[in-house]
Amino acid sequence: KRNGDDIWVARPGNGPHSSAVSVERFGSLTDCDAEPTGLYW
């Protein structure tokens, strides 16, 4: 890899099986060897 991995956020659709309304990049890791492995609020 030449760039780090990104963290993406998907805004859910209106139903339980609907597609995401949008997907946006939330953050980026600048270290090309690093990878995000989990998120916790």
PDB file of all heavy atoms in Angstrom:
ATOM      1  N   LYS A   1       0.847  -1.195   0.000  1.00  0.00           N
ATOM      2  CA  LYS A   1       0.000   0.000   0.000  1.00  0.00           C
ATOM      3  C   LYS A   1       0.880   1.242   0.000  1.00  0.00           C
ATOM      4  O   LYS A   1       1.942   1.263   0.583  1.00  0.00           O
ATOM      5  CB  LYS A   1      -0.883   0.028   1.243  1.00  0.00           C
ATOM      6  CG  LYS A   1      -1.902  -1.055   1.314  1.00  0.00           C
ATOM      7  CD  LYS A   1      -2.882  -0.834   2.459  1.00  0.00           C
ATOM      8  CE  LYS A   1      -2.173  -0.790   3.784  1.00  0.00           C
ATOM      9  NZ  LYS A   1      -3.108  -0.668   4.905  1.00  0.00           N
ATOM     10  N   ARG A   2       0.416   2.290  -0.633  1.00  0.00           N
ATOM     11  CA  ARG A   2       1.132   3.569  -0.620  1.00  0.00           C
ATOM     12  C   ARG A   2       0.477   4.549   0.339  1.00  0.00           C
ATOM     13  O   ARG A   2       1.073   5.517   0.739  1.00  0.00           O
ATOM     14  CB  ARG A   2       1.174   4.163  -2.025  1.00  0.00           C
ATOM     15  CG  ARG A   2       1.984   3.350  -2.971  1.00  0.00           C
ATOM     16  CD  ARG A   2       1.994   3.988  -4.343  1.00  0.00           C
ATOM     17  NE  ARG A   2       2.592   3.096  -5.307  1.00  0.00           N
ATOM     18  CZ  ARG A   2       3.821   3.220  -5.767  1.00  0.00           C
ATOM     19  NH1 ARG A   2       4.581   4.193  -5.341  1.00  0.00           N
ATOM     20  NH2 ARG A   2       4.288   2.370  -6.642  1.00  0.00           N
ATOM     21  N   ASN A   3      -0.775   4.301   0.679  1.00  0.00           N
ATOM     22  CA  ASN A   3      -1.523   5.169   1.590  1.00  0.00           C
ATOM     23  C   ASN A   3      -2.109   4.321   2.705  1.00  0.00           C
ATOM     24  O   ASN A   3      -2.230   3.112   2.578  1.00  0.00           O
ATOM     25  CB  ASN A   3      -2.664   5.888   0.860  1.00  0.00           C
ATOM     26  CG  ASN A   3      -2.158   6.785  -0.247  1.00  0.00           C
ATOM     27  OD1 ASN A   3      -1.203   7.520  -0.063  1.00  0.00           O
ATOM     28  ND2 ASN A   3      -2.796   6.717  -1.399  1.00  0.00           N
ATOM     29  N   GLY A   4      -2.504   4.970   3.786  1.00  0.00           N
ATOM     30  CA  GLY A   4      -3.155   4.252   4.885  1.00  0.00           C
ATOM     31  C   GLY A   4      -4.582   3.889   4.543  1.00  0.00           C
ATOM     32  O   GLY A   4      -5.103   4.242   3.487  1.00  0.00           O
ATOM     33  N   ASP A   5      -5.209   3.170   5.443  1.00  0.00           N
ATOM     34  CA  ASP A   5      -6.603   2.776   5.253  1.00  0.00           C
ATOM     35  C   ASP A   5      -7.536   3.886   5.731  1.00  0.00           C
ATOM     36  O   ASP A   5      -7.175   4.713   6.557  1.00  0.00           O
ATOM     37  CB  ASP A   5      -6.910   1.504   6.041  1.00  0.00           C
ATOM     38  CG  ASP A   5      -6.258   0.279   5.432  1.00  0.00           C
ATOM     39  OD1 ASP A   5      -5.891   0.321   4.249  1.00  0.00           O
ATOM     40  OD2 ASP A   5      -6.132  -0.728   6.149  1.00  0.00           O
ATOM     41  N   ASP A   6      -8.740   3.867   5.205  1.00  0.00           N
ATOM     42  CA  ASP A   6      -9.750   4.854   5.567  1.00  0.00           C
ATOM     43  C   ASP A   6     -10.801   4.215   6.462  1.00  0.00           C
ATOM     44  O   ASP A   6     -10.999   3.006   6.463  1.00  0.00           O
ATOM     45  CB  ASP A   6     -10.439   5.413   4.324  1.00  0.00           C
ATOM     46  CG  ASP A   6      -9.487   6.209   3.448  1.00  0.00           C
ATOM     47  OD1 ASP A   6      -8.625   6.908   4.005  1.00  0.00           O
ATOM     48  OD2 ASP A   6      -9.614   6.136   2.221  1.00  0.00           O
ATOM     49  N   ILE A   7     -11.498   5.057   7.212  1.00  0.00           N
ATOM     50  CA  ILE A   7     -12.633   4.653   8.033  1.00  0.00           C
ATOM     51  C   ILE A   7     -13.859   5.301   7.415  1.00  0.00           C
ATOM     52  O   ILE A   7     -13.892   6.515   7.227  1.00  0.00           O
ATOM     53  CB  ILE A   7     -12.462   5.103   9.495  1.00  0.00           C
ATOM     54  CG1 ILE A   7     -11.183   4.507  10.082  1.00  0.00           C
ATOM     55  CG2 ILE A   7     -13.687   4.716  10.323  1.00  0.00           C
ATOM     56  CD1 ILE A   7     -10.789   5.116  11.409  1.00  0.00           C
ATOM     57  N   TRP A   8     -14.856   4.496   7.077  1.00  0.00           N
ATOM     58  CA  TRP A   8     -16.049   4.971   6.380  1.00  0.00           C
ATOM     59  C   TRP A   8     -17.276   4.850   7.270  1.00  0.00           C
ATOM     60  O   TRP A   8     -17.372   3.956   8.097  1.00  0.00           O
ATOM     61  CB  TRP A   8     -16.267   4.149   5.104  1.00  0.00           C
ATOM     62  CG  TRP A   8     -15.160   4.306   4.126  1.00  0.00           C
ATOM     63  CD1 TRP A   8     -13.974   3.613   4.101  1.00  0.00           C
ATOM     64  CD2 TRP A   8     -15.098   5.219   3.047  1.00  0.00           C
ATOM     65  NE1 TRP A   8     -13.199   4.043   3.077  1.00  0.00           N
ATOM     66  CE2 TRP A   8     -13.862   5.034   2.396  1.00  0.00           C
ATOM     67  CE3 TRP A   8     -15.970   6.185   2.555  1.00  0.00           C
ATOM     68  CZ2 TRP A   8     -13.481   5.774   1.288  1.00  0.00           C
ATOM     69  CZ3 TRP A   8     -15.593   6.918   1.442  1.00  0.00           C
ATOM     70  CH2 TRP A   8     -14.355   6.715   0.823  1.00  0.00           C
ATOM     71  N   VAL A   9     -18.226   5.751   7.071  1.00  0.00           N
ATOM     72  CA  VAL A   9     -19.491   5.744   7.797  1.00  0.00           C
ATOM     73  C   VAL A   9     -20.623   5.682   6.772  1.00  0.00           C
ATOM     74  O   VAL A   9     -20.637   6.447   5.809  1.00  0.00           O
ATOM     75  CB  VAL A   9     -19.656   7.016   8.664  1.00  0.00           C
ATOM     76  CG1 VAL A   9     -21.018   7.059   9.312  1.00  0.00           C
ATOM     77  CG2 VAL A   9     -18.560   7.091   9.703  1.00  0.00           C
ATOM     78  N   ALA A  10     -21.538   4.751   6.982  1.00  0.00           N
ATOM     79  CA  ALA A  10     -22.707   4.622   6.101  1.00  0.00           C
ATOM     80  C   ALA A  10     -23.946   5.071   6.858  1.00  0.00           C
ATOM     81  O   ALA A  10     -24.194   4.624   7.973  1.00  0.00           O
ATOM     82  CB  ALA A  10     -22.860   3.182   5.636  1.00  0.00           C
ATOM     83  N   ARG A  11     -24.715   5.981   6.260  1.00  0.00           N
ATOM     84  CA  ARG A  11     -25.985   6.390   6.846  1.00  0.00           C
ATOM     85  C   ARG A  11     -27.043   5.399   6.391  1.00  0.00           C
ATOM     86  O   ARG A  11     -27.252   5.214   5.188  1.00  0.00           O
ATOM     87  CB  ARG A  11     -26.358   7.793   6.391  1.00  0.00           C
ATOM     88  CG  ARG A  11     -27.579   8.298   7.145  1.00  0.00           C
ATOM     89  CD  ARG A  11     -28.018   9.694   6.824  1.00  0.00           C
ATOM     90  NE  ARG A  11     -27.006  10.562   6.281  1.00  0.00           N
ATOM     91  CZ  ARG A  11     -27.270  11.608   5.516  1.00  0.00           C
ATOM     92  NH1 ARG A  11     -28.511  11.902   5.221  1.00  0.00           N
ATOM     93  NH2 ARG A  11     -26.313  12.362   5.060  1.00  0.00           N
ATOM     94  N   PRO A  12     -27.716   4.724   7.335  1.00  0.00           N
ATOM     95  CA  PRO A  12     -28.661   3.664   6.952  1.00  0.00           C
ATOM     96  C   PRO A  12     -29.858   4.190   6.174  1.00  0.00           C
ATOM     97  O   PRO A  12     -30.255   5.346   6.321  1.00  0.00           O
ATOM     98  CB  PRO A  12     -29.090   3.068   8.294  1.00  0.00           C
ATOM     99  CG  PRO A  12     -28.745   4.073   9.326  1.00  0.00           C
ATOM    100  CD  PRO A  12     -27.650   4.926   8.772  1.00  0.00           C
ATOM    101  N   GLY A  13     -30.417   3.291   5.383  1.00  0.00           N
ATOM    102  CA  GLY A  13     -31.637   3.610   4.644  1.00  0.00           C
ATOM    103  C   GLY A  13     -32.856   3.544   5.549  1.00  0.00           C
ATOM    104  O   GLY A  13     -32.745   3.428   6.768  1.00  0.00           O
ATOM    105  N   ASN A  14     -34.043   3.563   4.947  1.00  0.00           N
ATOM    106  CA  ASN A  14     -35.292   3.644   5.705  1.00  0.00           C
ATOM    107  C   ASN A  14     -35.857   2.303   6.148  1.00  0.00           C
ATOM    108  O   ASN A  14     -36.772   2.254   6.952  1.00  0.00           O
ATOM    109  CB  ASN A  14     -36.347   4.385   4.886  1.00  0.00           C
ATOM    110  CG  ASN A  14     -35.968   5.833   4.698  1.00  0.00           C
ATOM    111  OD1 ASN A  14     -35.348   6.436   5.560  1.00  0.00           O
ATOM    112  ND2 ASN A  14     -36.316   6.391   3.547  1.00  0.00           N
ATOM    113  N   GLY A  15     -35.361   1.209   5.630  1.00  0.00           N
ATOM    114  CA  GLY A  15     -35.899  -0.098   6.005  1.00  0.00           C
ATOM    115  C   GLY A  15     -34.800  -1.042   6.443  1.00  0.00           C
ATOM    116  O   GLY A  15     -33.617  -0.760   6.274  1.00  0.00           O
ATOM    117  N   PRO A  16     -35.195  -2.181   7.000  1.00  0.00           N
ATOM    118  CA  PRO A  16     -34.199  -3.121   7.513  1.00  0.00           C
ATOM    119  C   PRO A  16     -33.296  -3.724   6.432  1.00  0.00           C
ATOM    120  O   PRO A  16     -32.203  -4.157   6.721  1.00  0.00           O
ATOM    121  CB  PRO A  16     -35.033  -4.199   8.201  1.00  0.00           C
ATOM    122  CG  PRO A  16     -36.385  -4.083   7.613  1.00  0.00           C
ATOM    123  CD  PRO A  16     -36.561  -2.651   7.214  1.00  0.00           C
ATOM    124  N   HIS A  17     -33.739  -3.740   5.185  1.00  0.00           N
ATOM    125  CA  HIS A  17     -32.941  -4.324   4.105  1.00  0.00           C
ATOM    126  C   HIS A  17     -32.643  -3.304   3.010  1.00  0.00           C
ATOM    127  O   HIS A  17     -32.268  -3.681   1.894  1.00  0.00           O
ATOM    128  CB  HIS A  17     -33.659  -5.531   3.508  1.00  0.00           C
ATOM    129  CG  HIS A  17     -33.940  -6.593   4.517  1.00  0.00           C
ATOM    130  ND1 HIS A  17     -32.946  -7.385   5.054  1.00  0.00           N
ATOM    131  CD2 HIS A  17     -35.086  -6.972   5.124  1.00  0.00           C
ATOM    132  CE1 HIS A  17     -33.471  -8.209   5.932  1.00  0.00           C
ATOM    133  NE2 HIS A  17     -34.782  -7.978   6.001  1.00  0.00           N
ATOM    134  N   SER A  18     -32.785  -2.015   3.323  1.00  0.00           N
ATOM    135  CA  SER A  18     -32.558  -0.993   2.311  1.00  0.00           C
ATOM    136  C   SER A  18     -31.075  -0.622   2.251  1.00  0.00           C
ATOM    137  O   SER A  18     -30.330  -0.815   3.196  1.00  0.00           O
ATOM    138  CB  SER A  18     -33.404   0.249   2.599  1.00  0.00           C
ATOM    139  OG  SER A  18     -33.059   0.789   3.852  1.00  0.00           O
ATOM    140  N   SER A  19     -30.681  -0.104   1.129  1.00  0.00           N
ATOM    141  CA  SER A  19     -29.297   0.323   0.929  1.00  0.00           C
ATOM    142  C   SER A  19     -29.001   1.578   1.735  1.00  0.00           C
ATOM    143  O   SER A  19     -29.908   2.318   2.110  1.00  0.00           O
ATOM    144  CB  SER A  19     -29.049   0.623  -0.552  1.00  0.00           C
ATOM    145  OG  SER A  19     -29.263  -0.526  -1.329  1.00  0.00           O
ATOM    146  N   ALA A  20     -27.740   1.823   1.962  1.00  0.00           N
ATOM    147  CA  ALA A  20     -27.323   3.034   2.670  1.00  0.00           C
ATOM    148  C   ALA A  20     -27.702   4.264   1.858  1.00  0.00           C
ATOM    149  O   ALA A  20     -27.659   4.256   0.625  1.00  0.00           O
ATOM    150  CB  ALA A  20     -25.824   3.013   2.904  1.00  0.00           C
ATOM    151  N   VAL A  21     -28.072   5.325   2.554  1.00  0.00           N
ATOM    152  CA  VAL A  21     -28.413   6.584   1.901  1.00  0.00           C
ATOM    153  C   VAL A  21     -27.136   7.242   1.386  1.00  0.00           C
ATOM    154  O   VAL A  21     -27.100   7.803   0.303  1.00  0.00           O
ATOM    155  CB  VAL A  21     -29.148   7.520   2.890  1.00  0.00           C
ATOM    156  CG1 VAL A  21     -29.356   8.890   2.297  1.00  0.00           C
ATOM    157  CG2 VAL A  21     -30.470   6.908   3.305  1.00  0.00           C
ATOM    158  N   SER A  22     -26.078   7.163   2.174  1.00  0.00           N
ATOM    159  CA  SER A  22     -24.800   7.736   1.766  1.00  0.00           C
ATOM    160  C   SER A  22     -23.672   7.013   2.486  1.00  0.00           C
ATOM    161  O   SER A  22     -23.878   6.389   3.525  1.00  0.00           O
ATOM    162  CB  SER A  22     -24.741   9.234   2.087  1.00  0.00           C
ATOM    163  OG  SER A  22     -24.774   9.436   3.489  1.00  0.00           O
ATOM    164  N   VAL A  23     -22.500   7.089   1.918  1.00  0.00           N
ATOM    165  CA  VAL A  23     -21.290   6.551   2.529  1.00  0.00           C
ATOM    166  C   VAL A  23     -20.235   7.641   2.433  1.00  0.00           C
ATOM    167  O   VAL A  23     -19.992   8.177   1.352  1.00  0.00           O
ATOM    168  CB  VAL A  23     -20.811   5.273   1.813  1.00  0.00           C
ATOM    169  CG1 VAL A  23     -19.527   4.756   2.431  1.00  0.00           C
ATOM    170  CG2 VAL A  23     -21.886   4.199   1.843  1.00  0.00           C
ATOM    171  N   GLU A  24     -19.640   7.994   3.576  1.00  0.00           N
ATOM    172  CA  GLU A  24     -18.663   9.077   3.598  1.00  0.00           C
ATOM    173  C   GLU A  24     -17.419   8.664   4.366  1.00  0.00           C
ATOM    174  O   GLU A  24     -17.497   7.918   5.334  1.00  0.00           O
ATOM    175  CB  GLU A  24     -19.264  10.311   4.271  1.00  0.00           C
ATOM    176  CG  GLU A  24     -20.481  10.850   3.557  1.00  0.00           C
ATOM    177  CD  GLU A  24     -21.109  12.024   4.285  1.00  0.00           C
ATOM    178  OE1 GLU A  24     -20.390  12.717   5.029  1.00  0.00           O
ATOM    179  OE2 GLU A  24     -22.311  12.226   4.114  1.00  0.00           O
ATOM    180  N   ARG A  25     -16.273   9.179   3.926  1.00  0.00           N
ATOM    181  CA  ARG A  25     -15.040   8.914   4.647  1.00  0.00           C
ATOM    182  C   ARG A  25     -15.039   9.725   5.929  1.00  0.00           C
ATOM    183  O   ARG A  25     -15.233  10.925   5.931  1.00  0.00           O
ATOM    184  CB  ARG A  25     -13.827   9.274   3.793  1.00  0.00           C
ATOM    185  CG  ARG A  25     -12.529   8.930   4.498  1.00  0.00           C
ATOM    186  CD  ARG A  25     -11.310   9.079   3.641  1.00  0.00           C
ATOM    187  NE  ARG A  25     -11.385  10.253   2.819  1.00  0.00           N
ATOM    188  CZ  ARG A  25     -10.806  10.364   1.636  1.00  0.00           C
ATOM    189  NH1 ARG A  25     -10.120   9.364   1.149  1.00  0.00           N
ATOM    190  NH2 ARG A  25     -10.909  11.466   0.948  1.00  0.00           N
ATOM    191  N   PHE A  26     -14.836   9.042   7.050  1.00  0.00           N
ATOM    192  CA  PHE A  26     -14.835   9.664   8.373  1.00  0.00           C
ATOM    193  C   PHE A  26     -13.419  10.038   8.803  1.00  0.00           C
ATOM    194  O   PHE A  26     -13.202  11.047   9.447  1.00  0.00           O
ATOM    195  CB  PHE A  26     -15.466   8.695   9.379  1.00  0.00           C
ATOM    196  CG  PHE A  26     -15.376   9.145  10.795  1.00  0.00           C
ATOM    197  CD1 PHE A  26     -16.248  10.103  11.284  1.00  0.00           C
ATOM    198  CD2 PHE A  26     -14.413   8.632  11.645  1.00  0.00           C
ATOM    199  CE1 PHE A  26     -16.163  10.530  12.600  1.00  0.00           C
ATOM    200  CE2 PHE A  26     -14.334   9.052  12.961  1.00  0.00           C
ATOM    201  CZ  PHE A  26     -15.207  10.004  13.433  1.00  0.00           C
ATOM    202  N   GLY A  27     -12.472   9.207   8.454  1.00  0.00           N
ATOM    203  CA  GLY A  27     -11.096   9.454   8.848  1.00  0.00           C
ATOM    204  C   GLY A  27     -10.142   8.619   8.031  1.00  0.00           C
ATOM    205  O   GLY A  27     -10.541   7.694   7.323  1.00  0.00           O
ATOM    206  N   SER A  28      -8.863   8.961   8.102  1.00  0.00           N
ATOM    207  CA  SER A  28      -7.831   8.239   7.368  1.00  0.00           C
ATOM    208  C   SER A  28      -6.639   8.004   8.272  1.00  0.00           C
ATOM    209  O   SER A  28      -6.295   8.850   9.102  1.00  0.00           O
ATOM    210  CB  SER A  28      -7.363   9.056   6.154  1.00  0.00           C
ATOM    211  OG  SER A  28      -8.391   9.209   5.231  1.00  0.00           O
ATOM    212  N   LEU A  29      -6.011   6.859   8.102  1.00  0.00           N
ATOM    213  CA  LEU A  29      -4.750   6.579   8.769  1.00  0.00           C
ATOM    214  C   LEU A  29      -3.633   6.915   7.782  1.00  0.00           C
ATOM    215  O   LEU A  29      -3.667   6.480   6.635  1.00  0.00           O
ATOM    216  CB  LEU A  29      -4.673   5.103   9.166  1.00  0.00           C
ATOM    217  CG  LEU A  29      -5.763   4.613  10.116  1.00  0.00           C
ATOM    218  CD1 LEU A  29      -5.639   3.116  10.327  1.00  0.00           C
ATOM    219  CD2 LEU A  29      -5.662   5.340  11.437  1.00  0.00           C
ATOM    220  N   THR A  30      -2.670   7.679   8.217  1.00  0.00           N
ATOM    221  CA  THR A  30      -1.604   8.107   7.303  1.00  0.00           C
ATOM    222  C   THR A  30      -0.462   7.111   7.226  1.00  0.00           C
ATOM    223  O   THR A  30       0.340   7.164   6.309  1.00  0.00           O
ATOM    224  CB  THR A  30      -1.053   9.476   7.716  1.00  0.00           C
ATOM    225  OG1 THR A  30      -0.576   9.404   9.062  1.00  0.00           O
ATOM    226  CG2 THR A  30      -2.130  10.543   7.608  1.00  0.00           C
ATOM    227  N   ASP A  31      -0.365   6.191   8.173  1.00  0.00           N
ATOM    228  CA  ASP A  31       0.678   5.162   8.160  1.00  0.00           C
ATOM    229  C   ASP A  31       0.225   4.043   7.234  1.00  0.00           C
ATOM    230  O   ASP A  31      -0.796   3.404   7.476  1.00  0.00           O
ATOM    231  CB  ASP A  31       0.875   4.651   9.585  1.00  0.00           C
ATOM    232  CG  ASP A  31       1.985   3.629   9.707  1.00  0.00           C
ATOM    233  OD1 ASP A  31       2.338   3.006   8.684  1.00  0.00           O
ATOM    234  OD2 ASP A  31       2.485   3.454  10.817  1.00  0.00           O
ATOM    235  N   CYS A  32       0.962   3.787   6.166  1.00  0.00           N
ATOM    236  CA  CYS A  32       0.505   2.805   5.175  1.00  0.00           C
ATOM    237  C   CYS A  32       0.518   1.379   5.701  1.00  0.00           C
ATOM    238  O   CYS A  32      -0.099   0.503   5.113  1.00  0.00           O
ATOM    239  CB  CYS A  32       1.318   2.913   3.894  1.00  0.00           C
ATOM    240  SG  CYS A  32       3.030   2.449   4.062  1.00  0.00           S
ATOM    241  N   ASP A  33       1.210   1.110   6.813  1.00  0.00           N
ATOM    242  CA  ASP A  33       1.215  -0.234   7.385  1.00  0.00           C
ATOM    243  C   ASP A  33       0.080  -0.449   8.384  1.00  0.00           C
ATOM    244  O   ASP A  33      -0.188  -1.578   8.783  1.00  0.00           O
ATOM    245  CB  ASP A  33       2.540  -0.506   8.098  1.00  0.00           C
ATOM    246  CG  ASP A  33       3.702  -0.598   7.134  1.00  0.00           C
ATOM    247  OD1 ASP A  33       3.483  -1.030   5.988  1.00  0.00           O
ATOM    248  OD2 ASP A  33       4.823  -0.226   7.514  1.00  0.00           O
ATOM    249  N   ALA A  34      -0.552   0.617   8.829  1.00  0.00           N
ATOM    250  CA  ALA A  34      -1.594   0.519   9.852  1.00  0.00           C
ATOM    251  C   ALA A  34      -2.942   0.189   9.233  1.00  0.00           C
ATOM    252  O   ALA A  34      -3.213   0.489   8.079  1.00  0.00           O
ATOM    253  CB  ALA A  34      -1.697   1.834  10.619  1.00  0.00           C
ATOM    254  N   GLU A  35      -3.780  -0.445  10.048  1.00  0.00           N
ATOM    255  CA  GLU A  35      -5.150  -0.731   9.603  1.00  0.00           C
ATOM    256  C   GLU A  35      -6.107  -0.621  10.781  1.00  0.00           C
ATOM    257  O   GLU A  35      -5.793  -1.073  11.878  1.00  0.00           O
ATOM    258  CB  GLU A  35      -5.242  -2.110   8.963  1.00  0.00           C
ATOM    259  CG  GLU A  35      -4.810  -3.242   9.854  1.00  0.00           C
ATOM    260  CD  GLU A  35      -4.771  -4.566   9.136  1.00  0.00           C
ATOM    261  OE1 GLU A  35      -5.842  -5.208   9.028  1.00  0.00           O
ATOM    262  OE2 GLU A  35      -3.693  -4.961   8.706  1.00  0.00           O
ATOM    263  N   PRO A  36      -7.275   0.022  10.557  1.00  0.00           N
ATOM    264  CA  PRO A  36      -8.277   0.081  11.621  1.00  0.00           C
ATOM    265  C   PRO A  36      -8.935  -1.286  11.750  1.00  0.00           C
ATOM    266  O   PRO A  36      -9.271  -1.916  10.754  1.00  0.00           O
ATOM    267  CB  PRO A  36      -9.266   1.137  11.126  1.00  0.00           C
ATOM    268  CG  PRO A  36      -9.120   1.116   9.632  1.00  0.00           C
ATOM    269  CD  PRO A  36      -7.705   0.725   9.359  1.00  0.00           C
ATOM    270  N   THR A  37      -9.097  -1.757  12.984  1.00  0.00           N
ATOM    271  CA  THR A  37      -9.650  -3.098  13.167  1.00  0.00           C
ATOM    272  C   THR A  37     -10.935  -3.108  13.983  1.00  0.00           C
ATOM    273  O   THR A  37     -11.503  -4.159  14.211  1.00  0.00           O
ATOM    274  CB  THR A  37      -8.628  -4.012  13.861  1.00  0.00           C
ATOM    275  OG1 THR A  37      -8.289  -3.454  15.133  1.00  0.00           O
ATOM    276  CG2 THR A  37      -7.391  -4.164  13.021  1.00  0.00           C
ATOM    277  N   GLY A  38     -11.391  -1.965  14.422  1.00  0.00           N
ATOM    278  CA  GLY A  38     -12.641  -1.928  15.163  1.00  0.00           C
ATOM    279  C   GLY A  38     -12.925  -0.544  15.697  1.00  0.00           C
ATOM    280  O   GLY A  38     -12.021   0.257  15.903  1.00  0.00           O
ATOM    281  N   LEU A  39     -14.206  -0.258  15.890  1.00  0.00           N
ATOM    282  CA  LEU A  39     -14.658   1.028  16.419  1.00  0.00           C
ATOM    283  C   LEU A  39     -15.559   0.784  17.613  1.00  0.00           C
ATOM    284  O   LEU A  39     -16.288  -0.207  17.660  1.00  0.00           O
ATOM    285  CB  LEU A  39     -15.456   1.800  15.369  1.00  0.00           C
ATOM    286  CG  LEU A  39     -14.767   2.110  14.053  1.00  0.00           C
ATOM    287  CD1 LEU A  39     -15.777   2.694  13.085  1.00  0.00           C
ATOM    288  CD2 LEU A  39     -13.626   3.066  14.257  1.00  0.00           C
ATOM    289  N   TYR A  40     -15.514   1.701  18.569  1.00  0.00           N
ATOM    290  CA  TYR A  40     -16.388   1.603  19.736  1.00  0.00           C
ATOM    291  C   TYR A  40     -16.762   3.006  20.192  1.00  0.00           C
ATOM    292  O   TYR A  40     -15.876   3.827  20.445  1.00  0.00           O
ATOM    293  CB  TYR A  40     -15.679   0.873  20.881  1.00  0.00           C
ATOM    294  CG  TYR A  40     -16.455   0.884  22.172  1.00  0.00           C
ATOM    295  CD1 TYR A  40     -17.552   0.056  22.336  1.00  0.00           C
ATOM    296  CD2 TYR A  40     -16.107   1.743  23.207  1.00  0.00           C
ATOM    297  CE1 TYR A  40     -18.283   0.067  23.509  1.00  0.00           C
ATOM    298  CE2 TYR A  40     -16.835   1.772  24.388  1.00  0.00           C
ATOM    299  CZ  TYR A  40     -17.911   0.937  24.532  1.00  0.00           C
ATOM    300  OH  TYR A  40     -18.638   0.965  25.684  1.00  0.00           O
ATOM    301  N   TRP A  41     -18.059   3.319  20.258  1.00  0.00           N
ATOM    302  CA  TRP A  41     -18.520   4.599  20.804  1.00  0.00           C
ATOM    303  C   TRP A  41     -18.620   4.466  22.311  1.00  0.00           C
ATOM    304  O   TRP A  41     -19.194   3.498  22.819  1.00  0.00           O
ATOM    305  CB  TRP A  41     -19.896   4.971  20.256  1.00  0.00           C
ATOM    306  CG  TRP A  41     -19.861   5.522  18.874  1.00  0.00           C
ATOM    307  CD1 TRP A  41     -20.220   4.872  17.734  1.00  0.00           C
ATOM    308  CD2 TRP A  41     -19.444   6.827  18.481  1.00  0.00           C
ATOM    309  NE1 TRP A  41     -20.048   5.695  16.657  1.00  0.00           N
ATOM    310  CE2 TRP A  41     -19.573   6.911  17.086  1.00  0.00           C
ATOM    311  CE3 TRP A  41     -18.961   7.942  19.171  1.00  0.00           C
ATOM    312  CZ2 TRP A  41     -19.246   8.042  16.371  1.00  0.00           C
ATOM    313  CZ3 TRP A  41     -18.641   9.076  18.459  1.00  0.00           C
ATOM    314  CH2 TRP A  41     -18.789   9.124  17.080  1.00  0.00           C
TER     315      TRP A  41
END
